[in-house]
PDB file of N, CA and C in Angstrom:
ATOM      1  N   MET A   1      61.774  -7.574  35.181  1.00  0.00           N
ATOM      2  CA  MET A   1      61.877  -7.185  36.552  1.00  0.00           C
ATOM      3  C   MET A   1      60.522  -7.103  37.181  1.00  0.00           C
ATOM      4  N   TYR A   2      59.614  -6.497  36.543  1.00  0.00           N
ATOM      5  CA  TYR A   2      58.383  -6.217  37.062  1.00  0.00           C
ATOM      6  C   TYR A   2      57.649  -7.543  37.260  1.00  0.00           C
ATOM      7  N   ILE A   3      57.710  -8.537  36.408  1.00  0.00           N
ATOM      8  CA  ILE A   3      57.053  -9.855  36.619  1.00  0.00           C
ATOM      9  C   ILE A   3      57.697 -10.569  37.773  1.00  0.00           C
ATOM     10  N   PHE A   4      59.087 -10.509  37.885  1.00  0.00           N
ATOM     11  CA  PHE A   4      59.774 -11.145  38.968  1.00  0.00           C
ATOM     12  C   PHE A   4      59.358 -10.505  40.361  1.00  0.00           C
ATOM     13  N   VAL A   5      59.233  -9.254  40.466  1.00  0.00           N
ATOM     14  CA  VAL A   5      58.778  -8.655  41.749  1.00  0.00           C
ATOM     15  C   VAL A   5      57.264  -9.050  42.029  1.00  0.00           C
ATOM     16  N   THR A   6      56.529  -9.110  41.034  1.00  0.00           N
ATOM     17  CA  THR A   6      55.056  -9.512  41.088  1.00  0.00           C
ATOM     18  C   THR A   6      55.024 -10.883  41.663  1.00  0.00           C
ATOM     19  N   ILE A   7      55.831 -11.838  41.144  1.00  0.00           N
ATOM     20  CA  ILE A   7      55.779 -13.239  41.526  1.00  0.00           C
ATOM     21  C   ILE A   7      56.253 -13.276  43.077  1.00  0.00           C
ATOM     22  N   ILE A   8      57.281 -12.480  43.486  1.00  0.00           N
ATOM     23  CA  ILE A   8      57.790 -12.536  44.875  1.00  0.00           C
ATOM     24  C   ILE A   8      56.594 -11.952  45.786  1.00  0.00           C
ATOM     25  N   ILE A   9      55.867 -11.001  45.306  1.00  0.00           N
ATOM     26  CA  ILE A   9      54.780 -10.490  46.172  1.00  0.00           C
ATOM     27  C   ILE A   9      53.691 -11.537  46.287  1.00  0.00           C
ATOM     28  N   LEU A  10      53.360 -12.250  45.262  1.00  0.00           N
ATOM     29  CA  LEU A  10      52.346 -13.401  45.237  1.00  0.00           C
ATOM     30  C   LEU A  10      52.758 -14.405  46.224  1.00  0.00           C
ATOM     31  N   LEU A  11      54.141 -14.837  46.185  1.00  0.00           N
ATOM     32  CA  LEU A  11      54.538 -15.882  47.061  1.00  0.00           C
ATOM     33  C   LEU A  11      54.455 -15.420  48.532  1.00  0.00           C
ATOM     34  N   ALA A  12      54.914 -14.188  48.796  1.00  0.00           N
ATOM     35  CA  ALA A  12      54.817 -13.735  50.149  1.00  0.00           C
ATOM     36  C   ALA A  12      53.533 -13.688  50.714  1.00  0.00           C
ATOM     37  N   ALA A  13      52.555 -13.310  49.738  1.00  0.00           N
ATOM     38  CA  ALA A  13      51.022 -13.203  50.198  1.00  0.00           C
ATOM     39  C   ALA A  13      50.582 -14.571  50.567  1.00  0.00           C
ATOM     40  N   ILE A  14      51.002 -15.521  49.774  1.00  0.00           N
ATOM     41  CA  ILE A  14      50.411 -16.966  50.037  1.00  0.00           C
ATOM     42  C   ILE A  14      51.043 -17.440  51.290  1.00  0.00           C
ATOM     43  N   LEU A  15      52.284 -17.189  51.578  1.00  0.00           N
ATOM     44  CA  LEU A  15      52.990 -17.565  52.773  1.00  0.00           C
ATOM     45  C   LEU A  15      52.279 -16.874  53.983  1.00  0.00           C
ATOM     46  N   MET A  16      51.958 -15.538  53.793  1.00  0.00           N
ATOM     47  CA  MET A  16      51.285 -14.826  54.893  1.00  0.00           C
ATOM     48  C   MET A  16      49.971 -15.357  55.161  1.00  0.00           C
ATOM     49  N   ILE A  17      49.219 -15.817  54.181  1.00  0.00           N
ATOM     50  CA  ILE A  17      47.910 -16.444  54.353  1.00  0.00           C
ATOM     51  C   ILE A  17      47.986 -17.613  55.205  1.00  0.00           C
ATOM     52  N   LEU A  18      49.030 -18.557  54.853  1.00  0.00           N
ATOM     53  CA  LEU A  18      49.180 -19.755  55.598  1.00  0.00           C
ATOM     54  C   LEU A  18      49.592 -19.512  56.936  1.00  0.00           C
ATOM     55  N   ILE A  19      50.482 -18.547  57.205  1.00  0.00           N
ATOM     56  CA  ILE A  19      50.951 -18.262  58.627  1.00  0.00           C
ATOM     57  C   ILE A  19      49.697 -17.747  59.459  1.00  0.00           C
ATOM     58  N   VAL A  20      48.885 -16.902  58.787  1.00  0.00           N
ATOM     59  CA  VAL A  20      47.749 -16.326  59.643  1.00  0.00           C
ATOM     60  C   VAL A  20      46.690 -17.379  59.905  1.00  0.00           C
ATOM     61  N   LEU A  21      46.569 -18.413  58.957  1.00  0.00           N
ATOM     62  CA  LEU A  21      45.678 -19.506  59.167  1.00  0.00           C
ATOM     63  C   LEU A  21      46.152 -20.477  60.314  1.00  0.00           C
ATOM     64  N   VAL A  22      47.385 -20.529  60.475  1.00  0.00           N
ATOM     65  CA  VAL A  22      48.004 -21.398  61.456  1.00  0.00           C
ATOM     66  C   VAL A  22      47.718 -20.764  62.907  1.00  0.00           C
ATOM     67  N   GLN A  23      47.803 -19.428  62.959  1.00  0.00           N
ATOM     68  CA  GLN A  23      47.622 -18.685  64.189  1.00  0.00           C
ATOM     69  C   GLN A  23      46.091 -18.837  64.734  1.00  0.00           C
ATOM     70  N   ASN A  24      45.954 -18.643  65.994  1.00  0.00           N
ATOM     71  CA  ASN A  24      44.636 -18.603  66.596  1.00  0.00           C
ATOM     72  C   ASN A  24      44.535 -17.344  67.430  1.00  0.00           C
ATOM     73  N   SER A  25      43.435 -16.637  67.303  1.00  0.00           N
ATOM     74  CA  SER A  25      43.329 -15.365  68.006  1.00  0.00           C
ATOM     75  C   SER A  25      43.340 -15.524  69.492  1.00  0.00           C
ATOM     76  N   GLN A  26      42.921 -16.696  70.047  1.00  0.00           N
ATOM     77  CA  GLN A  26      42.845 -16.890  71.519  1.00  0.00           C
ATOM     78  C   GLN A  26      44.294 -17.515  72.005  1.00  0.00           C
ATOM     79  N   GLY A  27      45.270 -17.507  71.259  1.00  0.00           N
ATOM     80  CA  GLY A  27      46.558 -18.037  71.752  1.00  0.00           C
ATOM     81  C   GLY A  27      46.732 -19.576  71.416  1.00  0.00           C
ATOM     82  N   GLY A  28      45.727 -20.163  70.741  1.00  0.00           N
ATOM     83  CA  GLY A  28      45.845 -21.542  70.423  1.00  0.00           C
ATOM     84  C   GLY A  28      46.555 -21.681  69.090  1.00  0.00           C
ATOM     85  N   GLY A  29      45.953 -22.463  68.145  1.00  0.00           N
ATOM     86  CA  GLY A  29      46.630 -22.582  66.746  1.00  0.00           C
ATOM     87  C   GLY A  29      47.768 -23.609  66.914  1.00  0.00           C
ATOM     88  N   LEU A  30      48.810 -23.364  66.142  1.00  0.00           N
ATOM     89  CA  LEU A  30      49.937 -24.236  66.198  1.00  0.00           C
ATOM     90  C   LEU A  30      50.613 -24.241  67.543  1.00  0.00           C
ATOM     91  N   ALA A  31      50.552 -23.080  68.243  1.00  0.00           N
ATOM     92  CA  ALA A  31      51.222 -23.029  69.584  1.00  0.00           C
ATOM     93  C   ALA A  31      50.554 -23.936  70.591  1.00  0.00           C
ATOM     94  N   SER A  32      49.286 -24.276  70.514  1.00  0.00           N
ATOM     95  CA  SER A  32      48.510 -25.076  71.497  1.00  0.00           C
ATOM     96  C   SER A  32      48.822 -26.597  71.226  1.00  0.00           C
ATOM     97  N   GLY A  33      49.367 -26.985  70.080  1.00  0.00           N
ATOM     98  CA  GLY A  33      49.734 -28.288  69.875  1.00  0.00           C
ATOM     99  C   GLY A  33      50.946 -28.760  70.658  1.00  0.00           C
ATOM    100  N   PHE A  34      51.772 -27.863  71.128  1.00  0.00           N
ATOM    101  CA  PHE A  34      52.994 -28.075  71.853  1.00  0.00           C
ATOM    102  C   PHE A  34      52.793 -27.998  73.303  1.00  0.00           C
ATOM    103  N   SER A  35      52.049 -28.960  73.931  1.00  0.00           N
ATOM    104  CA  SER A  35      51.724 -28.927  75.358  1.00  0.00           C
ATOM    105  C   SER A  35      52.595 -29.707  76.189  1.00  0.00           C
ATOM    106  N   SER A  36      53.568 -30.464  75.675  1.00  0.00           N
ATOM    107  CA  SER A  36      54.393 -31.301  76.575  1.00  0.00           C
ATOM    108  C   SER A  36      55.550 -30.446  77.101  1.00  0.00           C
ATOM    109  N   SER A  37      56.113 -30.906  78.129  1.00  0.00           N
ATOM    110  CA  SER A  37      57.133 -30.097  78.821  1.00  0.00           C
ATOM    111  C   SER A  37      58.466 -30.263  78.202  1.00  0.00           C
ATOM    112  N   ASN A  38      58.712 -31.257  77.343  1.00  0.00           N
ATOM    113  CA  ASN A  38      60.134 -31.512  76.682  1.00  0.00           C
ATOM    114  C   ASN A  38      59.970 -30.943  75.223  1.00  0.00           C
ATOM    115  N   GLN A  39      59.553 -29.801  75.022  1.00  0.00           N
ATOM    116  CA  GLN A  39      59.455 -29.323  73.669  1.00  0.00           C
ATOM    117  C   GLN A  39      60.673 -28.517  73.275  1.00  0.00           C
ATOM    118  N   ILE A  40      61.058 -28.386  72.016  1.00  0.00           N
ATOM    119  CA  ILE A  40      62.139 -27.702  71.570  1.00  0.00           C
ATOM    120  C   ILE A  40      61.961 -26.228  71.653  1.00  0.00           C
ATOM    121  N   MET A  41      60.885 -25.791  71.164  1.00  0.00           N
ATOM    122  CA  MET A  41      60.497 -24.383  71.331  1.00  0.00           C
ATOM    123  C   MET A  41      59.261 -24.241  72.266  1.00  0.00           C
ATOM    124  N   GLY A  42      59.174 -23.312  73.071  1.00  0.00           N
ATOM    125  CA  GLY A  42      58.003 -23.082  73.930  1.00  0.00           C
ATOM    126  C   GLY A  42      56.893 -22.572  73.226  1.00  0.00           C
ATOM    127  N   VAL A  43      55.733 -22.635  73.845  1.00  0.00           N
ATOM    128  CA  VAL A  43      54.520 -22.011  73.244  1.00  0.00           C
ATOM    129  C   VAL A  43      54.802 -20.631  72.951  1.00  0.00           C
ATOM    130  N   ARG A  44      55.390 -19.873  73.828  1.00  0.00           N
ATOM    131  CA  ARG A  44      55.493 -18.454  73.655  1.00  0.00           C
ATOM    132  C   ARG A  44      56.424 -18.128  72.544  1.00  0.00           C
ATOM    133  N   LYS A  45      57.567 -19.060  72.429  1.00  0.00           N
ATOM    134  CA  LYS A  45      58.445 -18.893  71.274  1.00  0.00           C
ATOM    135  C   LYS A  45      57.777 -19.160  69.975  1.00  0.00           C
ATOM    136  N   THR A  46      56.973 -20.089  69.980  1.00  0.00           N
ATOM    137  CA  THR A  46      56.201 -20.344  68.595  1.00  0.00           C
ATOM    138  C   THR A  46      55.375 -19.237  68.247  1.00  0.00           C
ATOM    139  N   THR A  47      54.651 -18.649  69.226  1.00  0.00           N
ATOM    140  CA  THR A  47      53.710 -17.548  68.927  1.00  0.00           C
ATOM    141  C   THR A  47      54.562 -16.352  68.522  1.00  0.00           C
ATOM    142  N   ASP A  48      55.769 -16.103  69.099  1.00  0.00           N
ATOM    143  CA  ASP A  48      56.629 -15.025  68.701  1.00  0.00           C
ATOM    144  C   ASP A  48      57.125 -15.205  67.265  1.00  0.00           C
ATOM    145  N   PHE A  49      57.490 -16.403  66.937  1.00  0.00           N
ATOM    146  CA  PHE A  49      57.993 -16.696  65.629  1.00  0.00           C
ATOM    147  C   PHE A  49      56.875 -16.446  64.616  1.00  0.00           C
ATOM    148  N   LEU A  50      55.654 -16.871  64.893  1.00  0.00           N
ATOM    149  CA  LEU A  50      54.613 -16.640  63.927  1.00  0.00           C
ATOM    150  C   LEU A  50      54.246 -15.136  63.817  1.00  0.00           C
ATOM    151  N   GLU A  51      54.279 -14.450  64.831  1.00  0.00           N
ATOM    152  CA  GLU A  51      54.017 -13.005  64.840  1.00  0.00           C
ATOM    153  C   GLU A  51      55.138 -12.277  64.056  1.00  0.00           C
ATOM    154  N   LYS A  52      56.377 -12.681  64.334  1.00  0.00           N
ATOM    155  CA  LYS A  52      57.475 -11.938  63.645  1.00  0.00           C
ATOM    156  C   LYS A  52      57.450 -12.297  62.147  1.00  0.00           C
ATOM    157  N   ALA A  53      57.075 -13.548  61.779  1.00  0.00           N
ATOM    158  CA  ALA A  53      56.995 -13.938  60.439  1.00  0.00           C
ATOM    159  C   ALA A  53      55.837 -13.141  59.700  1.00  0.00           C
ATOM    160  N   THR A  54      54.749 -12.907  60.396  1.00  0.00           N
ATOM    161  CA  THR A  54      53.563 -12.237  59.830  1.00  0.00           C
ATOM    162  C   THR A  54      54.050 -10.785  59.519  1.00  0.00           C
ATOM    163  N   TRP A  55      54.666 -10.167  60.413  1.00  0.00           N
ATOM    164  CA  TRP A  55      55.004  -8.798  60.313  1.00  0.00           C
ATOM    165  C   TRP A  55      56.048  -8.630  59.219  1.00  0.00           C
ATOM    166  N   THR A  56      56.982  -9.615  59.222  1.00  0.00           N
ATOM    167  CA  THR A  56      58.107  -9.576  58.205  1.00  0.00           C
ATOM    168  C   THR A  56      57.498  -9.706  56.801  1.00  0.00           C
ATOM    169  N   LEU A  57      56.558 -10.628  56.631  1.00  0.00           N
ATOM    170  CA  LEU A  57      55.945 -10.718  55.290  1.00  0.00           C
ATOM    171  C   LEU A  57      55.076  -9.534  54.947  1.00  0.00           C
ATOM    172  N   ALA A  58      54.356  -8.953  55.927  1.00  0.00           N
ATOM    173  CA  ALA A  58      53.578  -7.741  55.541  1.00  0.00           C
ATOM    174  C   ALA A  58      54.487  -6.629  55.211  1.00  0.00           C
ATOM    175  N   GLY A  59      55.666  -6.425  55.841  1.00  0.00           N
ATOM    176  CA  GLY A  59      56.535  -5.395  55.505  1.00  0.00           C
ATOM    177  C   GLY A  59      57.194  -5.663  54.067  1.00  0.00           C
ATOM    178  N   THR A  60      57.494  -6.970  53.840  1.00  0.00           N
ATOM    179  CA  THR A  60      58.002  -7.265  52.518  1.00  0.00           C
ATOM    180  C   THR A  60      56.971  -6.991  51.375  1.00  0.00           C
ATOM    181  N   ILE A  61      55.762  -7.434  51.600  1.00  0.00           N
ATOM    182  CA  ILE A  61      54.622  -7.048  50.633  1.00  0.00           C
ATOM    183  C   ILE A  61      54.565  -5.553  50.402  1.00  0.00           C
ATOM    184  N   LEU A  62      54.551  -4.827  51.458  1.00  0.00           N
ATOM    185  CA  LEU A  62      54.480  -3.260  51.402  1.00  0.00           C
ATOM    186  C   LEU A  62      55.636  -2.710  50.627  1.00  0.00           C
ATOM    187  N   VAL A  63      56.824  -3.119  50.917  1.00  0.00           N
ATOM    188  CA  VAL A  63      57.965  -2.614  50.250  1.00  0.00           C
ATOM    189  C   VAL A  63      57.964  -2.918  48.709  1.00  0.00           C
ATOM    190  N   LEU A  64      57.759  -4.240  48.424  1.00  0.00           N
ATOM    191  CA  LEU A  64      57.738  -4.585  47.112  1.00  0.00           C
ATOM    192  C   LEU A  64      56.598  -3.917  46.351  1.00  0.00           C
ATOM    193  N   SER A  65      55.511  -3.812  46.939  1.00  0.00           N
ATOM    194  CA  SER A  65      54.316  -3.022  46.340  1.00  0.00           C
ATOM    195  C   SER A  65      54.740  -1.669  45.894  1.00  0.00           C
ATOM    196  N   ILE A  66      55.389  -0.947  46.845  1.00  0.00           N
ATOM    197  CA  ILE A  66      55.893   0.383  46.537  1.00  0.00           C
ATOM    198  C   ILE A  66      56.861   0.460  45.384  1.00  0.00           C
ATOM    199  N   LEU A  67      57.832  -0.573  45.429  1.00  0.00           N
ATOM    200  CA  LEU A  67      58.800  -0.713  44.336  1.00  0.00           C
ATOM    201  C   LEU A  67      58.026  -0.928  43.016  1.00  0.00           C
ATOM    202  N   THR A  68      57.201  -1.815  43.061  1.00  0.00           N
ATOM    203  CA  THR A  68      56.377  -2.141  41.829  1.00  0.00           C
ATOM    204  C   THR A  68      55.693  -0.834  41.301  1.00  0.00           C
ATOM    205  N   ALA A  69      54.994  -0.108  42.119  1.00  0.00           N
ATOM    206  CA  ALA A  69      54.376   1.118  41.688  1.00  0.00           C
ATOM    207  C   ALA A  69      55.210   2.119  41.164  1.00  0.00           C
ATOM    208  N   LYS A  70      56.443   2.296  41.775  1.00  0.00           N
ATOM    209  CA  LYS A  70      57.466   3.158  41.250  1.00  0.00           C
ATOM    210  C   LYS A  70      57.974   2.720  39.857  1.00  0.00           C
ATOM    211  N   TYR A  71      58.200   1.503  39.664  1.00  0.00           N
ATOM    212  CA  TYR A  71      58.640   0.824  38.462  1.00  0.00           C
ATOM    213  C   TYR A  71      57.558   1.029  37.351  1.00  0.00           C
ATOM    214  N   THR A  72      56.325   0.907  37.727  1.00  0.00           N
ATOM    215  CA  THR A  72      55.266   1.076  36.674  1.00  0.00           C
ATOM    216  C   THR A  72      55.011   2.473  36.338  1.00  0.00           C
ATOM    217  N   SER A  73      55.292   3.417  37.310  1.00  0.00           N
ATOM    218  CA  SER A  73      55.100   4.842  37.004  1.00  0.00           C
ATOM    219  C   SER A  73      56.176   5.304  36.057  1.00  0.00           C
ATOM    220  N   ASN A  74      57.396   4.723  36.061  1.00  0.00           N
ATOM    221  CA  ASN A  74      58.460   5.022  35.134  1.00  0.00           C
ATOM    222  C   ASN A  74      58.196   4.452  33.787  1.00  0.00           C
ATOM    223  N   ARG A  75      57.554   3.424  33.643  1.00  0.00           N
ATOM    224  CA  ARG A  75      57.172   2.751  32.423  1.00  0.00           C
ATOM    225  C   ARG A  75      55.924   3.253  31.695  1.00  0.00           C
ATOM    226  N   SER A  76      55.259   4.176  32.447  1.00  0.00           N
ATOM    227  CA  SER A  76      54.015   4.705  31.836  1.00  0.00           C
ATOM    228  C   SER A  76      54.197   5.560  30.533  1.00  0.00           C
ATOM    229  N   THR A  77      55.447   6.092  30.315  1.00  0.00           N
ATOM    230  CA  THR A  77      55.666   6.793  29.131  1.00  0.00           C
ATOM    231  C   THR A  77      55.673   6.020  27.857  1.00  0.00           C
ATOM    232  N   GLU A  78      55.872   4.763  28.046  1.00  0.00           N
ATOM    233  CA  GLU A  78      55.887   3.776  26.873  1.00  0.00           C
ATOM    234  C   GLU A  78      54.558   3.352  26.528  1.00  0.00           C
ATOM    235  N   PRO A  79      54.183   2.984  25.284  1.00  0.00           N
ATOM    236  CA  PRO A  79      52.885   2.443  24.974  1.00  0.00           C
ATOM    237  C   PRO A  79      52.565   1.134  25.823  1.00  0.00           C
ATOM    238  N   GLN A  80      51.327   1.005  26.155  1.00  0.00           N
ATOM    239  CA  GLN A  80      51.014  -0.202  26.867  1.00  0.00           C
ATOM    240  C   GLN A  80      51.025  -1.445  26.153  1.00  0.00           C
ATOM    241  N   SER A  81      50.836  -1.433  24.871  1.00  0.00           N
ATOM    242  CA  SER A  81      50.824  -2.576  24.016  1.00  0.00           C
ATOM    243  C   SER A  81      51.668  -2.391  22.815  1.00  0.00           C
ATOM    244  N   GLN A  82      51.675  -3.384  21.929  1.00  0.00           N
ATOM    245  CA  GLN A  82      52.548  -3.330  20.669  1.00  0.00           C
ATOM    246  C   GLN A  82      51.942  -2.450  19.696  1.00  0.00           C
ATOM    247  N   ILE A  83      50.600  -2.132  19.824  1.00  0.00           N
ATOM    248  CA  ILE A  83      49.894  -1.383  18.923  1.00  0.00           C
ATOM    249  C   ILE A  83      50.098   0.061  19.221  1.00  0.00           C
ATOM    250  N   GLU A  84      50.665   0.849  18.355  1.00  0.00           N
ATOM    251  CA  GLU A  84      50.863   2.302  18.592  1.00  0.00           C
ATOM    252  C   GLU A  84      49.564   3.011  18.583  1.00  0.00           C
ATOM    253  N   VAL A  85      49.433   4.014  19.572  1.00  0.00           N
ATOM    254  CA  VAL A  85      48.223   4.797  19.659  1.00  0.00           C
ATOM    255  C   VAL A  85      48.388   5.863  18.525  1.00  0.00           C
ATOM    256  N   GLN A  86      47.372   5.921  17.665  1.00  0.00           N
ATOM    257  CA  GLN A  86      47.355   6.938  16.453  1.00  0.00           C
ATOM    258  C   GLN A  86      46.581   8.071  16.902  1.00  0.00           C
ATOM    259  N   GLN A  87      47.297   9.258  16.578  1.00  0.00           N
ATOM    260  CA  GLN A  87      46.612  10.533  16.820  1.00  0.00           C
ATOM    261  C   GLN A  87      45.653  10.914  15.680  1.00  0.00           C
ATOM    262  N   PRO A  88      44.546  11.457  16.009  1.00  0.00           N
ATOM    263  CA  PRO A  88      43.609  11.862  14.895  1.00  0.00           C
ATOM    264  C   PRO A  88      44.293  12.792  13.979  1.00  0.00           C
ATOM    265  N   ALA A  89      43.952  12.754  12.756  1.00  0.00           N
ATOM    266  CA  ALA A  89      44.401  13.819  11.594  1.00  0.00           C
ATOM    267  C   ALA A  89      43.824  15.092  11.919  1.00  0.00           C
ATOM    268  N   PRO A  90      44.692  16.061  11.781  1.00  0.00           N
ATOM    269  CA  PRO A  90      44.139  17.547  12.017  1.00  0.00           C
ATOM    270  C   PRO A  90      42.975  17.860  10.943  1.00  0.00           C
ATOM    271  N   LEU A  91      42.128  18.679  11.414  1.00  0.00           N
ATOM    272  CA  LEU A  91      40.979  19.098  10.528  1.00  0.00           C
ATOM    273  C   LEU A  91      41.447  20.075   9.428  1.00  0.00           C
ATOM    274  N   ASN A  92      40.902  19.897   8.311  1.00  0.00           N
ATOM    275  CA  ASN A  92      41.214  20.850   7.169  1.00  0.00           C
ATOM    276  C   ASN A  92      40.220  21.943   7.277  1.00  0.00           C
ATOM    277  N   PRO A  93      40.616  23.204   7.307  1.00  0.00           N
ATOM    278  CA  PRO A  93      39.560  24.305   7.485  1.00  0.00           C
ATOM    279  C   PRO A  93      38.665  24.438   6.319  1.00  0.00           C
ATOM    280  N   LEU A  94      39.111  23.967   5.179  1.00  0.00           N
ATOM    281  CA  LEU A  94      38.320  24.072   3.971  1.00  0.00           C
ATOM    282  C   LEU A  94      37.142  23.136   3.967  1.00  0.00           C
ATOM    283  N   THR A  95      37.297  22.002   4.552  1.00  0.00           N
ATOM    284  CA  THR A  95      36.185  20.977   4.648  1.00  0.00           C
ATOM    285  C   THR A  95      35.551  20.856   6.020  1.00  0.00           C
ATOM    286  N   ALA A  96      35.986  21.556   6.921  1.00  0.00           N
ATOM    287  CA  ALA A  96      35.367  21.567   8.227  1.00  0.00           C
ATOM    288  C   ALA A  96      34.103  22.298   8.243  1.00  0.00           C
ATOM    289  N   PRO A  97      33.009  21.828   9.033  1.00  0.00           N
ATOM    290  CA  PRO A  97      31.750  22.439   8.916  1.00  0.00           C
ATOM    291  C   PRO A  97      31.884  23.804   9.732  1.00  0.00           C
ATOM    292  N   ASP A  98      30.955  24.742   9.435  1.00  0.00           N
ATOM    293  CA  ASP A  98      30.921  26.044  10.040  1.00  0.00           C
ATOM    294  C   ASP A  98      30.336  25.907  11.354  1.00  0.00           C
ATOM    295  N   VAL A  99      31.015  26.239  12.377  1.00  0.00           N
ATOM    296  CA  VAL A  99      30.286  26.089  13.657  1.00  0.00           C
ATOM    297  C   VAL A  99      30.394  27.433  14.408  1.00  0.00           C
ATOM    298  N   THR A 100      30.382  28.483  13.744  1.00  0.00           N
ATOM    299  CA  THR A 100      30.460  29.868  14.227  1.00  0.00           C
ATOM    300  C   THR A 100      29.171  30.075  15.040  1.00  0.00           C
ATOM    301  N   PRO A 101      29.322  30.452  16.289  1.00  0.00           N
ATOM    302  CA  PRO A 101      28.043  30.737  17.046  1.00  0.00           C
ATOM    303  C   PRO A 101      27.220  31.913  16.540  1.00  0.00           C
ATOM    304  N   THR A 102      26.019  31.888  16.435  1.00  0.00           N
ATOM    305  CA  THR A 102      25.205  33.013  16.060  1.00  0.00           C
ATOM    306  C   THR A 102      24.230  33.317  16.995  1.00  0.00           C
ATOM    307  N   ILE A 103      23.972  34.704  17.113  1.00  0.00           N
ATOM    308  CA  ILE A 103      22.878  35.225  18.048  1.00  0.00           C
ATOM    309  C   ILE A 103      21.571  35.433  17.348  1.00  0.00           C
ATOM    310  N   PRO A 104      20.539  34.690  17.742  1.00  0.00           N
ATOM    311  CA  PRO A 104      19.287  34.849  16.980  1.00  0.00           C
ATOM    312  C   PRO A 104      18.838  36.287  17.288  1.00  0.00           C
ATOM    313  N   VAL A 105      18.378  36.980  16.295  1.00  0.00           N
ATOM    314  CA  VAL A 105      17.864  38.366  16.239  1.00  0.00           C
ATOM    315  C   VAL A 105      16.395  38.276  16.154  1.00  0.00           C
ATOM    316  N   GLU A 106      15.714  38.894  17.115  1.00  0.00           N
ATOM    317  CA  GLU A 106      14.122  38.934  17.069  1.00  0.00           C
ATOM    318  C   GLU A 106      13.714  39.933  15.952  1.00  0.00           C
ATOM    319  N   GLN A 107      12.821  39.331  15.241  1.00  0.00           N
ATOM    320  CA  GLN A 107      12.212  40.296  14.163  1.00  0.00           C
ATOM    321  C   GLN A 107      10.906  40.836  14.642  1.00  0.00           C
ATOM    322  N   PRO A 108      10.625  42.126  14.350  1.00  0.00           N
ATOM    323  CA  PRO A 108       9.366  42.667  14.824  1.00  0.00           C
ATOM    324  C   PRO A 108       8.200  41.926  14.200  1.00  0.00           C
ATOM    325  N   ALA A 109       7.189  41.793  14.937  1.00  0.00           N
ATOM    326  CA  ALA A 109       5.898  41.104  14.405  1.00  0.00           C
ATOM    327  C   ALA A 109       5.314  41.967  13.354  1.00  0.00           C
ATOM    328  N   PRO A 110       4.791  41.364  12.275  1.00  0.00           N
ATOM    329  CA  PRO A 110       4.090  42.139  11.297  1.00  0.00           C
ATOM    330  C   PRO A 110       2.939  42.859  11.818  1.00  0.00           C
ATOM    331  N   ASP A 111       2.706  44.106  11.212  1.00  0.00           N
ATOM    332  CA  ASP A 111       1.543  44.855  11.701  1.00  0.00           C
ATOM    333  C   ASP A 111       0.227  44.171  11.277  1.00  0.00           C
ATOM    334  N   THR A 112      -0.605  43.935  12.157  1.00  0.00           N
ATOM    335  CA  THR A 112      -1.902  43.397  11.815  1.00  0.00           C
ATOM    336  C   THR A 112      -3.067  44.421  12.114  1.00  0.00           C
ATOM    337  N   PRO A 113      -4.001  44.584  11.161  1.00  0.00           N
ATOM    338  CA  PRO A 113      -5.058  45.522  11.480  1.00  0.00           C
ATOM    339  C   PRO A 113      -5.847  45.018  12.638  1.00  0.00           C
ATOM    340  N   GLU A 114      -6.256  45.928  13.452  1.00  0.00           N
ATOM    341  CA  GLU A 114      -7.132  45.597  14.622  1.00  0.00           C
ATOM    342  C   GLU A 114      -8.498  45.643  14.197  1.00  0.00           C
ATOM    343  N   ALA A 115      -9.205  44.699  14.636  1.00  0.00           N
ATOM    344  CA  ALA A 115     -10.673  44.640  14.328  1.00  0.00           C
ATOM    345  C   ALA A 115     -11.325  45.586  15.240  1.00  0.00           C
ATOM    346  N   GLU A 116     -12.149  46.434  14.808  1.00  0.00           N
ATOM    347  CA  GLU A 116     -12.882  47.368  15.754  1.00  0.00           C
ATOM    348  C   GLU A 116     -14.330  47.052  15.732  1.00  0.00           C
TER     349      GLU A 116
END
């Protein structure tokens, strides 16, 4: 299921890239190619269609991405690969090194005779 949804997201993203490339920010693009008066769809209708298709694909990508994130968060309890994660063996107190903190004690300096 995860791979299927990921492929649908990829296809929607490619379609969205193509639709955005067809559009022109100044109102040209595919809509400017239909300049004759006997057209099936008007310039405005072509621009509306491209805009609605862009928003629909963006919404589709958003919803599918959220579903994919939810699906992967549910799968996170399983191991990520076929190799099981091994826990380290517990330490044996008899063979473990002594790591008890010690406080250094200052020893008094030995008495030295003073030269007079």
